[in-house]
Amino acid sequence: QAGGSLRLSCAASGSIASRNVVGWYRQAPGKQR
């Protein structure tokens, strides 16, 4: 519900470089990411 909270998590595996940028993007219907 509006006003509430959620937590997203993401686990990376494989050939991970020591210097990197990780993040979150979103895409709503009919809109760009």
All heavy atoms as atom14 arrays in JSON, in Angstrom:
{
  "sequence": "QAGGSLRLSCAASGSIASRNVVGWYRQAPGKQR",
  "atom14_mask": [
    [1, 1, 1, 1, 1, 1, 1, 1, 1, 0, 0, 0, 0, 0],
    [1, 1, 1, 1, 1, 0, 0, 0, 0, 0, 0, 0, 0, 0],
    [1, 1, 1, 1, 0, 0, 0, 0, 0, 0, 0, 0, 0, 0],
    [1, 1, 1, 1, 0, 0, 0, 0, 0, 0, 0, 0, 0, 0],
    [1, 1, 1, 1, 1, 1, 0, 0, 0, 0, 0, 0, 0, 0],
    [1, 1, 1, 1, 1, 1, 1, 1, 0, 0, 0, 0, 0, 0],
    [1, 1, 1, 1, 1, 1, 1, 1, 1, 1, 1, 0, 0, 0],
    [1, 1, 1, 1, 1, 1, 1, 1, 0, 0, 0, 0, 0, 0],
    [1, 1, 1, 1, 1, 1, 0, 0, 0, 0, 0, 0, 0, 0],
    [1, 1, 1, 1, 1, 1, 0, 0, 0, 0, 0, 0, 0, 0],
    [1, 1, 1, 1, 1, 0, 0, 0, 0, 0, 0, 0, 0, 0],
    [1, 1, 1, 1, 1, 0, 0, 0, 0, 0, 0, 0, 0, 0],
    [1, 1, 1, 1, 1, 1, 0, 0, 0, 0, 0, 0, 0, 0],
    [1, 1, 1, 1, 0, 0, 0, 0, 0, 0, 0, 0, 0, 0],
    [1, 1, 1, 1, 1, 1, 0, 0, 0, 0, 0, 0, 0, 0],
    [1, 1, 1, 1, 1, 1, 1, 1, 0, 0, 0, 0, 0, 0],
    [1, 1, 1, 1, 1, 0, 0, 0, 0, 0, 0, 0, 0, 0],
    [1, 1, 1, 1, 1, 1, 0, 0, 0, 0, 0, 0, 0, 0],
    [1, 1, 1, 1, 1, 1, 1, 1, 1, 1, 1, 0, 0, 0],
    [1, 1, 1, 1, 1, 1, 1, 1, 0, 0, 0, 0, 0, 0],
    [1, 1, 1, 1, 1, 1, 1, 0, 0, 0, 0, 0, 0, 0],
    [1, 1, 1, 1, 1, 1, 1, 0, 0, 0, 0, 0, 0, 0],
    [1, 1, 1, 1, 0, 0, 0, 0, 0, 0, 0, 0, 0, 0],
    [1, 1, 1, 1, 1, 1, 1, 1, 1, 1, 1, 1, 1, 1],
    [1, 1, 1, 1, 1, 1, 1, 1, 1, 1, 1, 1, 0, 0],
    [1, 1, 1, 1, 1, 1, 1, 1, 1, 1, 1, 0, 0, 0],
    [1, 1, 1, 1, 1, 1, 1, 1, 1, 0, 0, 0, 0, 0],
    [1, 1, 1, 1, 1, 0, 0, 0, 0, 0, 0, 0, 0, 0],
    [1, 1, 1, 1, 1, 1, 1, 0, 0, 0, 0, 0, 0, 0],
    [1, 1, 1, 1, 0, 0, 0, 0, 0, 0, 0, 0, 0, 0],
    [1, 1, 1, 1, 1, 1, 1, 1, 1, 0, 0, 0, 0, 0],
    [1, 1, 1, 1, 1, 1, 1, 1, 1, 0, 0, 0, 0, 0],
    [1, 1, 1, 1, 1, 1, 1, 1, 1, 1, 1, 0, 0, 0]
  ],
  "atom14_positions": [
    [[0.83, -1.21, 0.0], [0.0, 0.0, 0.0], [0.87, 1.26, 0.0], [2.01, 1.24, 0.47], [-0.91, 0.0, 1.23], [-2.03, -1.03, 1.15], [-3.01, -0.87, 2.29], [-2.66, -0.37, 3.36], [-4.24, -1.3, 2.07], [0.0, 0.0, 0.0], [0.0, 0.0, 0.0], [0.0, 0.0, 0.0], [0.0, 0.0, 0.0], [0.0, 0.0, 0.0]],
    [[0.31, 2.31, -0.51], [1.01, 3.59, -0.49], [1.42, 3.94, 0.93], [0.63, 3.75, 1.88], [0.14, 4.69, -1.08], [0.0, 0.0, 0.0], [0.0, 0.0, 0.0], [0.0, 0.0, 0.0], [0.0, 0.0, 0.0], [0.0, 0.0, 0.0], [0.0, 0.0, 0.0], [0.0, 0.0, 0.0], [0.0, 0.0, 0.0], [0.0, 0.0, 0.0]],
    [[2.64, 4.43, 1.08], [3.17, 4.75, 2.39], [3.96, 3.6, 3.01], [4.64, 3.8, 4.02], [0.0, 0.0, 0.0], [0.0, 0.0, 0.0], [0.0, 0.0, 0.0], [0.0, 0.0, 0.0], [0.0, 0.0, 0.0], [0.0, 0.0, 0.0], [0.0, 0.0, 0.0], [0.0, 0.0, 0.0], [0.0, 0.0, 0.0], [0.0, 0.0, 0.0]],
    [[3.86, 2.44, 2.42], [4.55, 1.27, 2.94], [5.98, 1.18, 2.47], [6.51, 2.08, 1.82], [0.0, 0.0, 0.0], [0.0, 0.0, 0.0], [0.0, 0.0, 0.0], [0.0, 0.0, 0.0], [0.0, 0.0, 0.0], [0.0, 0.0, 0.0], [0.0, 0.0, 0.0], [0.0, 0.0, 0.0], [0.0, 0.0, 0.0], [0.0, 0.0, 0.0]],
    [[6.6, 0.05, 2.81], [8.02, -0.17, 2.5], [8.22, -1.53, 1.84], [7.46, -2.48, 2.09], [8.85, -0.12, 3.78], [8.76, 1.15, 4.41], [0.0, 0.0, 0.0], [0.0, 0.0, 0.0], [0.0, 0.0, 0.0], [0.0, 0.0, 0.0], [0.0, 0.0, 0.0], [0.0, 0.0, 0.0], [0.0, 0.0, 0.0], [0.0, 0.0, 0.0]],
    [[9.25, -1.6, 1.04], [9.7, -2.85, 0.44], [11.21, -2.81, 0.35], [11.81, -1.73, 0.3], [9.13, -3.04, -0.97], [7.7, -3.52, -1.13], [7.31, -3.51, -2.6], [7.51, -4.9, -0.52], [0.0, 0.0, 0.0], [0.0, 0.0, 0.0], [0.0, 0.0, 0.0], [0.0, 0.0, 0.0], [0.0, 0.0, 0.0], [0.0, 0.0, 0.0]],
    [[11.8, -4.0, 0.3], [13.25, -4.1, 0.14], [13.55, -5.03, -1.03], [13.06, -6.16, -1.07], [13.9, -4.62, 1.42], [15.41, -4.64, 1.39], [15.96, -5.09, 2.74], [17.41, -5.09, 2.79], [18.15, -4.03, 3.09], [17.56, -2.88, 3.41], [19.47, -4.12, 3.12], [0.0, 0.0, 0.0], [0.0, 0.0, 0.0], [0.0, 0.0, 0.0]],
    [[14.36, -4.54, -1.95], [14.82, -5.35, -3.06], [16.27, -5.74, -2.82], [17.06, -4.95, -2.3], [14.73, -4.56, -4.38], [13.37, -3.97, -4.75], [13.46, -3.25, -6.09], [12.3, -5.03, -4.78], [0.0, 0.0, 0.0], [0.0, 0.0, 0.0], [0.0, 0.0, 0.0], [0.0, 0.0, 0.0], [0.0, 0.0, 0.0], [0.0, 0.0, 0.0]],
    [[16.61, -6.95, -3.22], [17.98, -7.42, -3.1], [18.42, -8.04, -4.42], [17.61, -8.56, -5.18], [18.1, -8.46, -1.99], [17.83, -7.87, -0.73], [0.0, 0.0, 0.0], [0.0, 0.0, 0.0], [0.0, 0.0, 0.0], [0.0, 0.0, 0.0], [0.0, 0.0, 0.0], [0.0, 0.0, 0.0], [0.0, 0.0, 0.0], [0.0, 0.0, 0.0]],
    [[19.71, -7.96, -4.67], [20.28, -8.51, -5.9], [21.63, -9.12, -5.57], [22.47, -8.46, -4.94], [20.42, -7.4, -6.93], [21.21, -7.89, -8.48], [0.0, 0.0, 0.0], [0.0, 0.0, 0.0], [0.0, 0.0, 0.0], [0.0, 0.0, 0.0], [0.0, 0.0, 0.0], [0.0, 0.0, 0.0], [0.0, 0.0, 0.0], [0.0, 0.0, 0.0]],
    [[21.82, -10.36, -5.95], [23.08, -11.05, -5.72], [23.79, -11.26, -7.05], [23.18, -11.75, -8.01], [22.83, -12.39, -5.04], [0.0, 0.0, 0.0], [0.0, 0.0, 0.0], [0.0, 0.0, 0.0], [0.0, 0.0, 0.0], [0.0, 0.0, 0.0], [0.0, 0.0, 0.0], [0.0, 0.0, 0.0], [0.0, 0.0, 0.0], [0.0, 0.0, 0.0]],
    [[25.04, -10.87, -7.1], [25.84, -11.02, -8.3], [26.78, -12.21, -8.15], [27.31, -12.46, -7.07], [26.63, -9.75, -8.58], [0.0, 0.0, 0.0], [0.0, 0.0, 0.0], [0.0, 0.0, 0.0], [0.0, 0.0, 0.0], [0.0, 0.0, 0.0], [0.0, 0.0, 0.0], [0.0, 0.0, 0.0], [0.0, 0.0, 0.0], [0.0, 0.0, 0.0]],
    [[26.98, -12.91, -9.24], [27.92, -14.03, -9.25], [28.65, -14.05, -10.58], [28.2, -13.46, -11.56], [27.19, -15.36, -9.01], [26.24, -15.58, -10.03], [0.0, 0.0, 0.0], [0.0, 0.0, 0.0], [0.0, 0.0, 0.0], [0.0, 0.0, 0.0], [0.0, 0.0, 0.0], [0.0, 0.0, 0.0], [0.0, 0.0, 0.0], [0.0, 0.0, 0.0]],
    [[29.79, -14.74, -10.59], [30.56, -14.83, -11.82], [31.82, -13.97, -11.76], [32.39, -13.77, -10.69], [0.0, 0.0, 0.0], [0.0, 0.0, 0.0], [0.0, 0.0, 0.0], [0.0, 0.0, 0.0], [0.0, 0.0, 0.0], [0.0, 0.0, 0.0], [0.0, 0.0, 0.0], [0.0, 0.0, 0.0], [0.0, 0.0, 0.0], [0.0, 0.0, 0.0]],
    [[32.24, -13.45, -12.9], [33.48, -12.69, -13.03], [33.23, -11.22, -12.68], [33.04, -10.38, -13.56], [34.03, -12.82, -14.45], [34.26, -14.18, -14.77], [0.0, 0.0, 0.0], [0.0, 0.0, 0.0], [0.0, 0.0, 0.0], [0.0, 0.0, 0.0], [0.0, 0.0, 0.0], [0.0, 0.0, 0.0], [0.0, 0.0, 0.0], [0.0, 0.0, 0.0]],
    [[33.27, -10.93, -11.41], [32.96, -9.59, -10.91], [34.24, -8.79, -10.78], [35.17, -9.19, -10.08], [32.23, -9.67, -9.57], [30.9, -10.42, -9.76], [31.98, -8.28, -9.01], [30.24, -10.8, -8.48], [0.0, 0.0, 0.0], [0.0, 0.0, 0.0], [0.0, 0.0, 0.0], [0.0, 0.0, 0.0], [0.0, 0.0, 0.0], [0.0, 0.0, 0.0]],
    [[34.28, -7.64, -11.44], [35.46, -6.78, -11.38], [35.52, -6.07, -10.04], [34.49, -5.8, -9.41], [35.4, -5.75, -12.5], [0.0, 0.0, 0.0], [0.0, 0.0, 0.0], [0.0, 0.0, 0.0], [0.0, 0.0, 0.0], [0.0, 0.0, 0.0], [0.0, 0.0, 0.0], [0.0, 0.0, 0.0], [0.0, 0.0, 0.0], [0.0, 0.0, 0.0]],
    [[36.73, -5.76, -9.61], [36.88, -5.1, -8.31], [36.29, -3.7, -8.32], [35.81, -3.2, -7.31], [38.36, -5.04, -7.91], [39.1, -4.37, -8.91], [0.0, 0.0, 0.0], [0.0, 0.0, 0.0], [0.0, 0.0, 0.0], [0.0, 0.0, 0.0], [0.0, 0.0, 0.0], [0.0, 0.0, 0.0], [0.0, 0.0, 0.0], [0.0, 0.0, 0.0]],
    [[36.34, -3.04, -9.47], [35.74, -1.72, -9.6], [34.5, -1.85, -10.47], [34.57, -2.25, -11.63], [36.71, -0.72, -10.21], [37.94, -0.47, -9.35], [38.88, 0.54, -9.98], [38.26, 1.86, -10.05], [38.87, 2.92, -10.57], [40.08, 2.8, -11.09], [38.26, 4.07, -10.61], [0.0, 0.0, 0.0], [0.0, 0.0, 0.0], [0.0, 0.0, 0.0]],
    [[33.35, -1.54, -9.89], [32.1, -1.67, -10.63], [31.04, -0.75, -10.04], [31.24, -0.16, -8.97], [31.61, -3.12, -10.6], [31.35, -3.64, -9.21], [30.41, -3.22, -8.54], [32.19, -4.56, -8.74], [0.0, 0.0, 0.0], [0.0, 0.0, 0.0], [0.0, 0.0, 0.0], [0.0, 0.0, 0.0], [0.0, 0.0, 0.0], [0.0, 0.0, 0.0]],
    [[29.99, -0.64, -10.76], [28.83, 0.12, -10.3], [27.61, -0.81, -10.37], [27.38, -1.44, -11.42], [28.56, 1.36, -11.16], [27.33, 2.12, -10.64], [29.78, 2.27, -11.18], [0.0, 0.0, 0.0], [0.0, 0.0, 0.0], [0.0, 0.0, 0.0], [0.0, 0.0, 0.0], [0.0, 0.0, 0.0], [0.0, 0.0, 0.0], [0.0, 0.0, 0.0]],
    [[26.89, -0.9, -9.3], [25.66, -1.68, -9.29], [24.51, -0.75, -8.93], [24.71, 0.24, -8.23], [25.72, -2.87, -8.32], [26.68, -3.93, -8.84], [26.14, -2.42, -6.93], [0.0, 0.0, 0.0], [0.0, 0.0, 0.0], [0.0, 0.0, 0.0], [0.0, 0.0, 0.0], [0.0, 0.0, 0.0], [0.0, 0.0, 0.0], [0.0, 0.0, 0.0]],
    [[23.36, -1.07, -9.42], [22.25, -0.18, -9.14], [20.91, -0.77, -9.51], [20.81, -1.96, -9.86], [0.0, 0.0, 0.0], [0.0, 0.0, 0.0], [0.0, 0.0, 0.0], [0.0, 0.0, 0.0], [0.0, 0.0, 0.0], [0.0, 0.0, 0.0], [0.0, 0.0, 0.0], [0.0, 0.0, 0.0], [0.0, 0.0, 0.0], [0.0, 0.0, 0.0]],
    [[19.92, 0.07, -9.4], [18.55, -0.31, -9.7], [17.96, 0.7, -10.69], [18.1, 1.92, -10.51], [17.71, -0.33, -8.42], [18.11, -1.42, -7.49], [19.0, -1.34, -6.46], [17.62, -2.76, -7.49], [19.11, -2.56, -5.84], [18.27, -3.45, -6.45], [16.7, -3.46, -8.28], [18.04, -4.8, -6.17], [16.45, -4.79, -7.99], [17.11, -5.44, -6.96]],
    [[17.32, 0.16, -11.68], [16.56, 0.94, -12.65], [15.11, 0.47, -12.57], [14.82, -0.61, -12.03], [17.09, 0.71, -14.06], [18.41, 1.38, -14.35], [19.59, 0.92, -13.77], [18.49, 2.46, -15.21], [20.8, 1.53, -14.02], [19.7, 3.08, -15.49], [20.84, 2.6, -14.9], [22.04, 3.21, -15.16], [0.0, 0.0, 0.0], [0.0, 0.0, 0.0]],
    [[14.21, 1.25, -13.11], [12.82, 0.83, -13.17], [12.18, 1.26, -14.47], [12.61, 2.22, -15.1], [12.03, 1.39, -11.98], [11.86, 2.91, -11.97], [11.21, 3.34, -10.67], [11.03, 4.79, -10.62], [10.61, 5.45, -9.53], [10.34, 4.8, -8.41], [10.46, 6.77, -9.59], [0.0, 0.0, 0.0], [0.0, 0.0, 0.0], [0.0, 0.0, 0.0]],
    [[11.17, 0.51, -14.83], [10.44, 0.82, -16.06], [8.95, 0.62, -15.81], [8.51, -0.49, -15.5], [10.9, -0.06, -17.21], [10.31, 0.32, -18.55], [11.02, -0.34, -19.71], [11.72, -1.33, -19.55], [10.85, 0.23, -20.9], [0.0, 0.0, 0.0], [0.0, 0.0, 0.0], [0.0, 0.0, 0.0], [0.0, 0.0, 0.0], [0.0, 0.0, 0.0]],
    [[8.21, 1.71, -15.91], [6.77, 1.67, -15.78], [6.15, 1.45, -17.16], [6.78, 1.76, -18.19], [6.26, 2.96, -15.16], [0.0, 0.0, 0.0], [0.0, 0.0, 0.0], [0.0, 0.0, 0.0], [0.0, 0.0, 0.0], [0.0, 0.0, 0.0], [0.0, 0.0, 0.0], [0.0, 0.0, 0.0], [0.0, 0.0, 0.0], [0.0, 0.0, 0.0]],
    [[4.93, 0.95, -17.23], [4.28, 0.72, -18.53], [4.24, 1.98, -19.37], [3.84, 3.05, -18.9], [2.88, 0.27, -18.13], [3.04, -0.33, -16.78], [4.09, 0.48, -16.1], [0.0, 0.0, 0.0], [0.0, 0.0, 0.0], [0.0, 0.0, 0.0], [0.0, 0.0, 0.0], [0.0, 0.0, 0.0], [0.0, 0.0, 0.0], [0.0, 0.0, 0.0]],
    [[4.68, 1.87, -20.61], [4.65, 3.0, -21.52], [5.74, 4.03, -21.31], [5.74, 5.07, -21.98], [0.0, 0.0, 0.0], [0.0, 0.0, 0.0], [0.0, 0.0, 0.0], [0.0, 0.0, 0.0], [0.0, 0.0, 0.0], [0.0, 0.0, 0.0], [0.0, 0.0, 0.0], [0.0, 0.0, 0.0], [0.0, 0.0, 0.0], [0.0, 0.0, 0.0]],
    [[6.65, 3.75, -20.39], [7.73, 4.71, -20.1], [9.09, 4.07, -20.34], [9.23, 2.85, -20.38], [7.62, 5.21, -18.67], [6.36, 6.02, -18.4], [6.4, 6.64, -17.01], [5.19, 7.52, -16.77], [5.24, 8.15, -15.41], [0.0, 0.0, 0.0], [0.0, 0.0, 0.0], [0.0, 0.0, 0.0], [0.0, 0.0, 0.0], [0.0, 0.0, 0.0]],
    [[10.09, 4.92, -20.45], [11.45, 4.42, -20.62], [12.03, 3.97, -19.29], [11.61, 4.42, -18.21], [12.33, 5.53, -21.22], [12.02, 5.87, -22.66], [13.04, 6.82, -23.26], [13.61, 7.65, -22.57], [13.26, 6.7, -24.56], [0.0, 0.0, 0.0], [0.0, 0.0, 0.0], [0.0, 0.0, 0.0], [0.0, 0.0, 0.0], [0.0, 0.0, 0.0]],
    [[12.99, 3.07, -19.39], [13.69, 2.64, -18.19], [14.49, 3.82, -17.64], [15.13, 4.56, -18.38], [14.62, 1.47, -18.52], [15.22, 0.79, -17.31], [15.99, -0.46, -17.71], [15.13, -1.46, -18.33], [15.53, -2.7, -18.61], [16.77, -3.07, -18.32], [14.71, -3.55, -19.2], [0.0, 0.0, 0.0], [0.0, 0.0, 0.0], [0.0, 0.0, 0.0]]
  ]
}
